[in-house]
Amino acid sequence: FVSSRSTCYVLNKGLAPQVKDPKSKKLLASNPRFVVLYERFFDYYSGEGNFADGKKAMGTISTKDVEEVEIMDKSLMCIRTRKTKLYFGLGCEDDAITWYS
């Protein structure tokens, strides 16, 4: 699987658990997602292997559709579009700074 992202510059990538309920921080899946931020897209995969193998992302958000990125409690990132909110856990405060900058 080759996509237009193959030629895009990766700004950041890493493991981040997807959170279903931000108040309780209940996880959506037992395995963390592998998330990749490109200049124009934010992709998330079911695992790092899927990204490395060039498989299609399980979800994609165009950066032009993002209305807000919020770091909550220095351990949770919320990506808000008109249609949805996605929550991803962050390992530590340094991770929050890296993703937000």
C-alpha atoms as a PDB file:
ATOM      1  CA  PHE A   1       0.000   0.000   0.000  1.00  0.00           C
ATOM      2  CA  VAL A   2       1.514   3.284  -1.088  1.00  0.00           C
ATOM      3  CA  SER A   3      -0.197   6.581  -0.483  1.00  0.00           C
ATOM      4  CA  SER A   4       0.445  10.251  -1.037  1.00  0.00           C
ATOM      5  CA  ARG A   5       1.779  10.290   2.526  1.00  0.00           C
ATOM      6  CA  SER A   6       4.840   8.386   1.346  1.00  0.00           C
ATOM      7  CA  THR A   7       6.217  11.685   0.135  1.00  0.00           C
ATOM      8  CA  CYS A   8       5.063  13.722   3.149  1.00  0.00           C
ATOM      9  CA  TYR A   9       7.401  14.764   5.903  1.00  0.00           C
ATOM     10  CA  VAL A  10       6.663  13.137   9.276  1.00  0.00           C
ATOM     11  CA  LEU A  11       6.550  15.802  11.991  1.00  0.00           C
ATOM     12  CA  ASN A  12       6.019  13.410  14.892  1.00  0.00           C
ATOM     13  CA  LYS A  13       5.073   9.784  15.529  1.00  0.00           C
ATOM     14  CA  GLY A  14       4.743   7.398  18.417  1.00  0.00           C
ATOM     15  CA  LEU A  15       2.559   5.104  20.489  1.00  0.00           C
ATOM     16  CA  ALA A  16      -0.477   6.636  22.153  1.00  0.00           C
ATOM     17  CA  PRO A  17      -3.391   4.804  23.735  1.00  0.00           C
ATOM     18  CA  GLN A  18      -6.743   5.927  22.343  1.00  0.00           C
ATOM     19  CA  VAL A  19      -9.026   6.995  25.173  1.00  0.00           C
ATOM     20  CA  LYS A  20     -12.798   6.509  25.023  1.00  0.00           C
ATOM     21  CA  ASP A  21     -13.792   8.564  28.061  1.00  0.00           C
ATOM     22  CA  PRO A  22     -11.521  11.489  28.952  1.00  0.00           C
ATOM     23  CA  LYS A  23     -12.913  11.778  32.499  1.00  0.00           C
ATOM     24  CA  SER A  24     -12.154   8.208  33.512  1.00  0.00           C
ATOM     25  CA  LYS A  25      -9.381   7.808  30.918  1.00  0.00           C
ATOM     26  CA  LYS A  26     -10.937   4.483  29.935  1.00  0.00           C
ATOM     27  CA  LEU A  27      -9.076   3.056  26.938  1.00  0.00           C
ATOM     28  CA  LEU A  28     -10.848   2.418  23.653  1.00  0.00           C
ATOM     29  CA  ALA A  29      -8.542  -0.527  22.872  1.00  0.00           C
ATOM     30  CA  SER A  30      -6.114  -2.570  24.946  1.00  0.00           C
ATOM     31  CA  ASN A  31      -3.221  -1.889  22.556  1.00  0.00           C
ATOM     32  CA  PRO A  32      -1.963   1.645  22.030  1.00  0.00           C
ATOM     33  CA  ARG A  33      -2.456   3.218  18.622  1.00  0.00           C
ATOM     34  CA  PHE A  34       0.523   4.233  16.549  1.00  0.00           C
ATOM     35  CA  VAL A  35      -0.053   7.860  15.608  1.00  0.00           C
ATOM     36  CA  VAL A  36       1.706   9.854  12.899  1.00  0.00           C
ATOM     37  CA  LEU A  37       1.535  13.598  12.352  1.00  0.00           C
ATOM     38  CA  TYR A  38       2.327  14.786   8.845  1.00  0.00           C
ATOM     39  CA  GLU A  39       2.230  18.347   7.559  1.00  0.00           C
ATOM     40  CA  ARG A  40      -1.331  17.870   6.251  1.00  0.00           C
ATOM     41  CA  PHE A  41      -2.632  14.727   7.986  1.00  0.00           C
ATOM     42  CA  PHE A  42      -2.874  12.999  11.341  1.00  0.00           C
ATOM     43  CA  ASP A  43      -3.079   9.210  10.911  1.00  0.00           C
ATOM     44  CA  TYR A  44      -3.586   6.522  13.502  1.00  0.00           C
ATOM     45  CA  TYR A  45      -2.880   2.834  13.086  1.00  0.00           C
ATOM     46  CA  SER A  46      -3.740  -0.227  15.156  1.00  0.00           C
ATOM     47  CA  GLY A  47      -0.004  -0.737  15.695  1.00  0.00           C
ATOM     48  CA  GLU A  48       3.450   0.382  14.658  1.00  0.00           C
ATOM     49  CA  GLY A  49       3.829  -2.681  12.422  1.00  0.00           C
ATOM     50  CA  ASN A  50       0.920  -1.582  10.248  1.00  0.00           C
ATOM     51  CA  PHE A  51       2.569   1.788   9.716  1.00  0.00           C
ATOM     52  CA  ALA A  52       5.965   0.202   9.007  1.00  0.00           C
ATOM     53  CA  ASP A  53       4.395  -2.242   6.532  1.00  0.00           C
ATOM     54  CA  GLY A  54       2.728   0.611   4.636  1.00  0.00           C
ATOM     55  CA  LYS A  55      -0.814  -0.491   5.470  1.00  0.00           C
ATOM     56  CA  LYS A  56      -3.715   1.909   5.328  1.00  0.00           C
ATOM     57  CA  ALA A  57      -4.340   3.922   8.494  1.00  0.00           C
ATOM     58  CA  MET A  58      -7.417   2.977  10.507  1.00  0.00           C
ATOM     59  CA  GLY A  59      -8.209   6.670  10.797  1.00  0.00           C
ATOM     60  CA  THR A  60      -7.107   9.908   9.169  1.00  0.00           C
ATOM     61  CA  ILE A  61      -7.773  13.530  10.011  1.00  0.00           C
ATOM     62  CA  SER A  62      -6.824  16.295   7.617  1.00  0.00           C
ATOM     63  CA  THR A  63      -5.097  19.104   9.507  1.00  0.00           C
ATOM     64  CA  LYS A  64      -7.366  21.597   7.744  1.00  0.00           C
ATOM     65  CA  ASP A  65     -10.362  19.918   9.475  1.00  0.00           C
ATOM     66  CA  VAL A  66      -8.837  20.271  12.953  1.00  0.00           C
ATOM     67  CA  GLU A  67     -10.520  23.026  14.917  1.00  0.00           C
ATOM     68  CA  GLU A  68      -8.528  22.606  18.114  1.00  0.00           C
ATOM     69  CA  VAL A  69      -5.829  20.503  19.732  1.00  0.00           C
ATOM     70  CA  GLU A  70      -5.981  20.580  23.498  1.00  0.00           C
ATOM     71  CA  ILE A  71      -3.585  19.042  25.999  1.00  0.00           C
ATOM     72  CA  MET A  72      -5.585  18.063  29.073  1.00  0.00           C
ATOM     73  CA  ASP A  73      -3.869  17.420  32.424  1.00  0.00           C
ATOM     74  CA  LYS A  74      -0.536  17.082  30.588  1.00  0.00           C
ATOM     75  CA  SER A  75      -1.432  13.447  29.896  1.00  0.00           C
ATOM     76  CA  LEU A  76      -4.242  13.543  27.347  1.00  0.00           C
ATOM     77  CA  MET A  77      -4.458  15.067  23.869  1.00  0.00           C
ATOM     78  CA  CYS A  78      -7.861  15.964  22.412  1.00  0.00           C
ATOM     79  CA  ILE A  79      -8.148  16.533  18.665  1.00  0.00           C
ATOM     80  CA  ARG A  80     -11.424  18.266  17.856  1.00  0.00           C
ATOM     81  CA  THR A  81     -12.999  18.572  14.418  1.00  0.00           C
ATOM     82  CA  ARG A  82     -16.518  19.707  13.516  1.00  0.00           C
ATOM     83  CA  LYS A  83     -17.678  16.096  13.515  1.00  0.00           C
ATOM     84  CA  THR A  84     -15.819  14.432  16.367  1.00  0.00           C
ATOM     85  CA  LYS A  85     -13.356  14.506  19.224  1.00  0.00           C
ATOM     86  CA  LEU A  86     -10.544  11.973  19.494  1.00  0.00           C
ATOM     87  CA  TYR A  87      -8.572  11.469  22.682  1.00  0.00           C
ATOM     88  CA  PHE A  88      -5.085   9.994  22.915  1.00  0.00           C
ATOM     89  CA  GLY A  89      -3.087   9.378  26.065  1.00  0.00           C
ATOM     90  CA  LEU A  90       0.365  10.880  26.405  1.00  0.00           C
ATOM     91  CA  GLY A  91       3.139   9.249  28.391  1.00  0.00           C
ATOM     92  CA  CYS A  92       4.468  12.303  30.198  1.00  0.00           C
ATOM     93  CA  GLU A  93       4.619  16.085  30.179  1.00  0.00           C
ATOM     94  CA  ASP A  94       7.518  16.011  27.695  1.00  0.00           C
ATOM     95  CA  ASP A  95       5.314  14.069  25.259  1.00  0.00           C
ATOM     96  CA  ALA A  96       2.615  16.721  25.619  1.00  0.00           C
ATOM     97  CA  ILE A  97       5.082  19.486  24.819  1.00  0.00           C
ATOM     98  CA  THR A  98       6.422  17.601  21.787  1.00  0.00           C
ATOM     99  CA  TRP A  99       2.967  16.918  20.295  1.00  0.00           C
ATOM    100  CA  TYR A 100       1.649  20.412  20.984  1.00  0.00           C
ATOM    101  CA  SER A 101       4.607  22.336  19.536  1.00  0.00           C
END
